[in-house]
Amino acid sequence: MKAAPVSLMPHRFFRLLTVVWVGSLLTIGYAVAPVLFTSLDRMTAGAVAAQLFRIEGVLGAVCGILLLGLANVLVRRGANTYRQLRWLIVGMLLCVLVGYFALQPFMNAIRIAALQAGTDVGHSAYATRFGILHGVSSLFYLIESLLGVALVWKLPAGTGIVTAEQQGAARDTAGKVAG
């Protein structure tokens, strides 16, 4: 008896969302932001980088929620290889929520307070506090990036669903090797 064909669309959509999220995360954080700070003055580079990281935060939250939902659907359909990927997605999503929606508002408030005082953050009374928040935010970004690389690395090569035919073929092969 042949198994019903498995739709590849959810698996392809999962891969697409993953590479969009992780690709943008790595590109903005490790290519674009450093170029901004070497090409522009610190205040302008910081303002542009803050906008890019805000966009990245929203993109990460949307992709993370969609990936988590899609992984749950795929696991319910028998694609058990997506079961462990959910933990990586949850970790990345937590990093996004803490980094962009908890730390960034405080960093922006400090930046605005420094501007209202007539100086940039680096030369203001808020420099130490901003530096600490920036360091914590960078740590969350690094963790999210490493989890993202692990997520891409662990993406299943196929659909992640083992059919009865594949199980039978694996048993036959194992029997021939053992016998």
C-alpha atoms as a PDB file:
ATOM      1  CA  MET A   1       0.000   0.000   0.000  1.00  0.00           C
ATOM      2  CA  LYS A   2       1.462   3.335  -1.061  1.00  0.00           C
ATOM      3  CA  ALA A   3       1.506   6.272   1.339  1.00  0.00           C
ATOM      4  CA  ALA A   4      -0.220   9.484   0.318  1.00  0.00           C
ATOM      5  CA  PRO A   5       2.174  11.983  -1.249  1.00  0.00           C
ATOM      6  CA  VAL A   6       3.509  14.526   1.204  1.00  0.00           C
ATOM      7  CA  SER A   7       3.192  18.185   0.252  1.00  0.00           C
ATOM      8  CA  LEU A   8       6.572  19.873   0.104  1.00  0.00           C
ATOM      9  CA  MET A   9       5.071  23.363   0.360  1.00  0.00           C
ATOM     10  CA  PRO A  10       5.174  23.659   4.197  1.00  0.00           C
ATOM     11  CA  HIS A  11       8.770  22.411   4.254  1.00  0.00           C
ATOM     12  CA  ARG A  12       9.825  24.879   1.570  1.00  0.00           C
ATOM     13  CA  PHE A  13       8.020  27.725   3.327  1.00  0.00           C
ATOM     14  CA  PHE A  14       9.788  26.745   6.573  1.00  0.00           C
ATOM     15  CA  ARG A  15      13.162  26.893   4.803  1.00  0.00           C
ATOM     16  CA  LEU A  16      12.313  30.221   3.169  1.00  0.00           C
ATOM     17  CA  LEU A  17      11.310  31.834   6.474  1.00  0.00           C
ATOM     18  CA  THR A  18      14.434  30.437   8.126  1.00  0.00           C
ATOM     19  CA  VAL A  19      16.854  31.802   5.541  1.00  0.00           C
ATOM     20  CA  VAL A  20      15.094  35.185   5.431  1.00  0.00           C
ATOM     21  CA  TRP A  21      15.335  35.530   9.224  1.00  0.00           C
ATOM     22  CA  VAL A  22      18.843  34.166   9.705  1.00  0.00           C
ATOM     23  CA  GLY A  23      20.181  35.774   6.525  1.00  0.00           C
ATOM     24  CA  SER A  24      18.927  39.229   7.470  1.00  0.00           C
ATOM     25  CA  LEU A  25      20.128  38.760  11.050  1.00  0.00           C
ATOM     26  CA  LEU A  26      23.670  37.938   9.945  1.00  0.00           C
ATOM     27  CA  THR A  27      23.762  40.533   7.157  1.00  0.00           C
ATOM     28  CA  ILE A  28      22.567  43.469   9.245  1.00  0.00           C
ATOM     29  CA  GLY A  29      24.493  42.610  12.392  1.00  0.00           C
ATOM     30  CA  TYR A  30      27.798  41.498  10.961  1.00  0.00           C
ATOM     31  CA  ALA A  31      28.058  43.246   7.568  1.00  0.00           C
ATOM     32  CA  VAL A  32      25.880  46.365   7.399  1.00  0.00           C
ATOM     33  CA  ALA A  33      26.284  47.755  10.939  1.00  0.00           C
ATOM     34  CA  PRO A  34      30.112  47.586  10.933  1.00  0.00           C
ATOM     35  CA  VAL A  35      30.204  49.317   7.530  1.00  0.00           C
ATOM     36  CA  LEU A  36      27.915  52.068   8.837  1.00  0.00           C
ATOM     37  CA  PHE A  37      30.241  52.787  11.748  1.00  0.00           C
ATOM     38  CA  THR A  38      33.334  52.884   9.521  1.00  0.00           C
ATOM     39  CA  SER A  39      31.662  55.052   6.853  1.00  0.00           C
ATOM     40  CA  LEU A  40      29.553  57.546   8.818  1.00  0.00           C
ATOM     41  CA  ASP A  41      29.960  59.629  11.948  1.00  0.00           C
ATOM     42  CA  ARG A  42      28.961  57.769  15.134  1.00  0.00           C
ATOM     43  CA  MET A  43      25.675  59.621  15.698  1.00  0.00           C
ATOM     44  CA  THR A  44      24.407  59.076  12.152  1.00  0.00           C
ATOM     45  CA  ALA A  45      25.636  55.476  12.059  1.00  0.00           C
ATOM     46  CA  GLY A  46      23.975  54.792  15.414  1.00  0.00           C
ATOM     47  CA  ALA A  47      20.663  56.276  14.253  1.00  0.00           C
ATOM     48  CA  VAL A  48      20.672  54.266  11.010  1.00  0.00           C
ATOM     49  CA  ALA A  49      21.762  51.076  12.799  1.00  0.00           C
ATOM     50  CA  ALA A  50      19.004  51.529  15.401  1.00  0.00           C
ATOM     51  CA  GLN A  51      16.405  51.720  12.608  1.00  0.00           C
ATOM     52  CA  LEU A  52      17.826  48.639  10.903  1.00  0.00           C
ATOM     53  CA  PHE A  53      17.861  46.670  14.161  1.00  0.00           C
ATOM     54  CA  ARG A  54      14.266  47.758  14.834  1.00  0.00           C
ATOM     55  CA  ILE A  55      13.224  46.416  11.418  1.00  0.00           C
ATOM     56  CA  GLU A  56      15.231  43.247  12.093  1.00  0.00           C
ATOM     57  CA  GLY A  57      13.451  42.856  15.435  1.00  0.00           C
ATOM     58  CA  VAL A  58      10.008  43.036  13.847  1.00  0.00           C
ATOM     59  CA  LEU A  59      11.082  40.693  11.046  1.00  0.00           C
ATOM     60  CA  GLY A  60      12.530  38.259  13.590  1.00  0.00           C
ATOM     61  CA  ALA A  61       9.375  38.289  15.708  1.00  0.00           C
ATOM     62  CA  VAL A  62       7.137  37.676  12.676  1.00  0.00           C
ATOM     63  CA  CYS A  63       9.371  34.940  11.234  1.00  0.00           C
ATOM     64  CA  GLY A  64       9.790  33.333  14.660  1.00  0.00           C
ATOM     65  CA  ILE A  65       6.058  33.157  15.330  1.00  0.00           C
ATOM     66  CA  LEU A  66       5.349  31.818  11.832  1.00  0.00           C
ATOM     67  CA  LEU A  67       8.171  29.254  12.084  1.00  0.00           C
ATOM     68  CA  LEU A  68       6.998  28.067  15.481  1.00  0.00           C
ATOM     69  CA  GLY A  69       3.441  27.615  14.219  1.00  0.00           C
ATOM     70  CA  LEU A  70       4.623  25.895  11.059  1.00  0.00           C
ATOM     71  CA  ALA A  71       6.954  23.578  13.000  1.00  0.00           C
ATOM     72  CA  ASN A  72       4.044  22.542  15.227  1.00  0.00           C
ATOM     73  CA  VAL A  73       1.897  21.787  12.168  1.00  0.00           C
ATOM     74  CA  LEU A  74       4.700  19.747  10.601  1.00  0.00           C
ATOM     75  CA  VAL A  75       5.292  17.774  13.813  1.00  0.00           C
ATOM     76  CA  ARG A  76       1.561  16.995  14.014  1.00  0.00           C
ATOM     77  CA  ARG A  77       1.765  15.735  10.412  1.00  0.00           C
ATOM     78  CA  GLY A  78       4.553  13.339  11.391  1.00  0.00           C
ATOM     79  CA  ALA A  79       7.667  15.368  10.543  1.00  0.00           C
ATOM     80  CA  ASN A  80       9.414  14.627  13.832  1.00  0.00           C
ATOM     81  CA  THR A  81      12.699  16.188  12.709  1.00  0.00           C
ATOM     82  CA  TYR A  82      11.027  19.562  13.271  1.00  0.00           C
ATOM     83  CA  ARG A  83      10.430  18.716  16.937  1.00  0.00           C
ATOM     84  CA  GLN A  84      13.951  19.708  18.049  1.00  0.00           C
ATOM     85  CA  LEU A  85      13.996  22.734  15.733  1.00  0.00           C
ATOM     86  CA  ARG A  86      11.184  24.267  17.758  1.00  0.00           C
ATOM     87  CA  TRP A  87      13.550  24.752  20.715  1.00  0.00           C
ATOM     88  CA  LEU A  88      16.021  26.659  18.557  1.00  0.00           C
ATOM     89  CA  ILE A  89      13.185  28.850  17.280  1.00  0.00           C
ATOM     90  CA  VAL A  90      11.927  29.491  20.828  1.00  0.00           C
ATOM     91  CA  GLY A  91      15.452  30.487  21.882  1.00  0.00           C
ATOM     92  CA  MET A  92      15.812  32.850  18.931  1.00  0.00           C
ATOM     93  CA  LEU A  93      12.374  34.318  19.554  1.00  0.00           C
ATOM     94  CA  LEU A  94      13.209  34.958  23.214  1.00  0.00           C
ATOM     95  CA  CYS A  95      16.406  36.732  22.150  1.00  0.00           C
ATOM     96  CA  VAL A  96      14.391  38.920  19.759  1.00  0.00           C
ATOM     97  CA  LEU A  97      11.786  39.771  22.368  1.00  0.00           C
ATOM     98  CA  VAL A  98      14.356  40.640  25.037  1.00  0.00           C
ATOM     99  CA  GLY A  99      16.806  42.371  22.715  1.00  0.00           C
ATOM    100  CA  TYR A 100      14.492  44.435  20.592  1.00  0.00           C
ATOM    101  CA  PHE A 101      11.378  44.888  22.635  1.00  0.00           C
ATOM    102  CA  ALA A 102      12.859  45.166  26.147  1.00  0.00           C
ATOM    103  CA  LEU A 103      16.409  46.543  25.790  1.00  0.00           C
ATOM    104  CA  GLN A 104      16.060  48.710  22.659  1.00  0.00           C
ATOM    105  CA  PRO A 105      13.369  51.024  24.099  1.00  0.00           C
ATOM    106  CA  PHE A 106      15.653  51.808  27.061  1.00  0.00           C
ATOM    107  CA  MET A 107      18.589  52.409  24.725  1.00  0.00           C
ATOM    108  CA  ASN A 108      16.483  54.729  22.553  1.00  0.00           C
ATOM    109  CA  ALA A 109      15.292  56.648  25.624  1.00  0.00           C
ATOM    110  CA  ILE A 110      18.914  57.143  26.711  1.00  0.00           C
ATOM    111  CA  ARG A 111      19.868  58.268  23.197  1.00  0.00           C
ATOM    112  CA  ILE A 112      17.010  60.820  23.162  1.00  0.00           C
ATOM    113  CA  ALA A 113      17.899  62.093  26.647  1.00  0.00           C
ATOM    114  CA  ALA A 114      21.499  62.637  25.545  1.00  0.00           C
ATOM    115  CA  LEU A 115      20.380  64.504  22.416  1.00  0.00           C
ATOM    116  CA  GLN A 116      18.080  66.708  24.501  1.00  0.00           C
ATOM    117  CA  ALA A 117      21.068  67.480  26.727  1.00  0.00           C
ATOM    118  CA  GLY A 118      22.886  68.656  23.591  1.00  0.00           C
ATOM    119  CA  THR A 119      25.400  65.838  23.169  1.00  0.00           C
ATOM    120  CA  ASP A 120      25.739  62.360  21.759  1.00  0.00           C
ATOM    121  CA  VAL A 121      25.368  59.287  23.960  1.00  0.00           C
ATOM    122  CA  GLY A 122      29.092  58.563  24.065  1.00  0.00           C
ATOM    123  CA  HIS A 123      29.870  61.936  25.654  1.00  0.00           C
ATOM    124  CA  SER A 124      26.843  62.171  27.929  1.00  0.00           C
ATOM    125  CA  ALA A 125      26.201  61.299  31.551  1.00  0.00           C
ATOM    126  CA  TYR A 126      24.314  58.272  30.204  1.00  0.00           C
ATOM    127  CA  ALA A 127      27.328  56.742  28.431  1.00  0.00           C
ATOM    128  CA  THR A 128      27.968  54.015  31.025  1.00  0.00           C
ATOM    129  CA  ARG A 129      24.330  52.969  31.239  1.00  0.00           C
ATOM    130  CA  PHE A 130      24.032  52.939  27.439  1.00  0.00           C
ATOM    131  CA  GLY A 131      27.250  50.911  27.157  1.00  0.00           C
ATOM    132  CA  ILE A 132      25.951  48.271  29.554  1.00  0.00           C
ATOM    133  CA  LEU A 133      22.622  47.996  27.729  1.00  0.00           C
ATOM    134  CA  HIS A 134      24.435  47.866  24.389  1.00  0.00           C
ATOM    135  CA  GLY A 135      26.672  45.059  25.662  1.00  0.00           C
ATOM    136  CA  VAL A 136      23.714  43.034  26.933  1.00  0.00           C
ATOM    137  CA  SER A 137      21.856  43.651  23.668  1.00  0.00           C
ATOM    138  CA  SER A 138      24.915  42.547  21.666  1.00  0.00           C
ATOM    139  CA  LEU A 139      25.128  39.358  23.727  1.00  0.00           C
ATOM    140  CA  PHE A 140      21.489  38.515  22.966  1.00  0.00           C
ATOM    141  CA  TYR A 141      22.152  39.257  19.283  1.00  0.00           C
ATOM    142  CA  LEU A 142      25.151  36.913  19.293  1.00  0.00           C
ATOM    143  CA  ILE A 143      23.145  34.134  20.964  1.00  0.00           C
ATOM    144  CA  GLU A 144      20.303  34.626  18.472  1.00  0.00           C
ATOM    145  CA  SER A 145      22.834  34.477  15.609  1.00  0.00           C
ATOM    146  CA  LEU A 146      24.405  31.244  16.872  1.00  0.00           C
ATOM    147  CA  LEU A 147      20.978  29.666  17.350  1.00  0.00           C
ATOM    148  CA  GLY A 148      20.102  30.806  13.819  1.00  0.00           C
ATOM    149  CA  VAL A 149      23.180  29.160  12.334  1.00  0.00           C
ATOM    150  CA  ALA A 150      22.297  25.972  14.251  1.00  0.00           C
ATOM    151  CA  LEU A 151      18.727  26.169  12.909  1.00  0.00           C
ATOM    152  CA  VAL A 152      19.927  26.443   9.307  1.00  0.00           C
ATOM    153  CA  TRP A 153      22.456  23.645   9.892  1.00  0.00           C
ATOM    154  CA  LYS A 154      19.816  21.301  11.320  1.00  0.00           C
ATOM    155  CA  LEU A 155      17.172  21.895   8.643  1.00  0.00           C
ATOM    156  CA  PRO A 156      16.036  18.495   7.379  1.00  0.00           C
ATOM    157  CA  ALA A 157      17.291  17.527   3.927  1.00  0.00           C
ATOM    158  CA  GLY A 158      13.928  16.030   2.967  1.00  0.00           C
ATOM    159  CA  THR A 159      10.439  16.442   4.300  1.00  0.00           C
ATOM    160  CA  GLY A 160      11.304  15.095   7.728  1.00  0.00           C
ATOM    161  CA  ILE A 161       8.538  12.497   7.435  1.00  0.00           C
ATOM    162  CA  VAL A 162       9.527   8.847   7.406  1.00  0.00           C
ATOM    163  CA  THR A 163       6.981   6.836   5.432  1.00  0.00           C
ATOM    164  CA  ALA A 164       6.142   3.183   5.999  1.00  0.00           C
ATOM    165  CA  GLU A 165       7.957   2.369   2.735  1.00  0.00           C
ATOM    166  CA  GLN A 166      11.132   4.072   3.964  1.00  0.00           C
ATOM    167  CA  GLN A 167      10.942   2.228   7.282  1.00  0.00           C
ATOM    168  CA  GLY A 168      10.524  -1.081   5.443  1.00  0.00           C
ATOM    169  CA  ALA A 169      13.464  -0.311   3.146  1.00  0.00           C
ATOM    170  CA  ALA A 170      15.604   0.599   6.155  1.00  0.00           C
ATOM    171  CA  ARG A 171      14.692  -2.703   7.859  1.00  0.00           C
ATOM    172  CA  ASP A 172      15.488  -4.655   4.679  1.00  0.00           C
ATOM    173  CA  THR A 173      18.855  -2.913   4.342  1.00  0.00           C
ATOM    174  CA  ALA A 174      19.662  -3.494   8.015  1.00  0.00           C
ATOM    175  CA  GLY A 175      18.720  -7.168   7.644  1.00  0.00           C
ATOM    176  CA  LYS A 176      21.007  -7.589   4.620  1.00  0.00           C
ATOM    177  CA  VAL A 177      23.913  -5.923   6.402  1.00  0.00           C
ATOM    178  CA  ALA A 178      23.402  -8.001   9.556  1.00  0.00           C
ATOM    179  CA  GLY A 179      22.867 -11.256   7.651  1.00  0.00           C
END
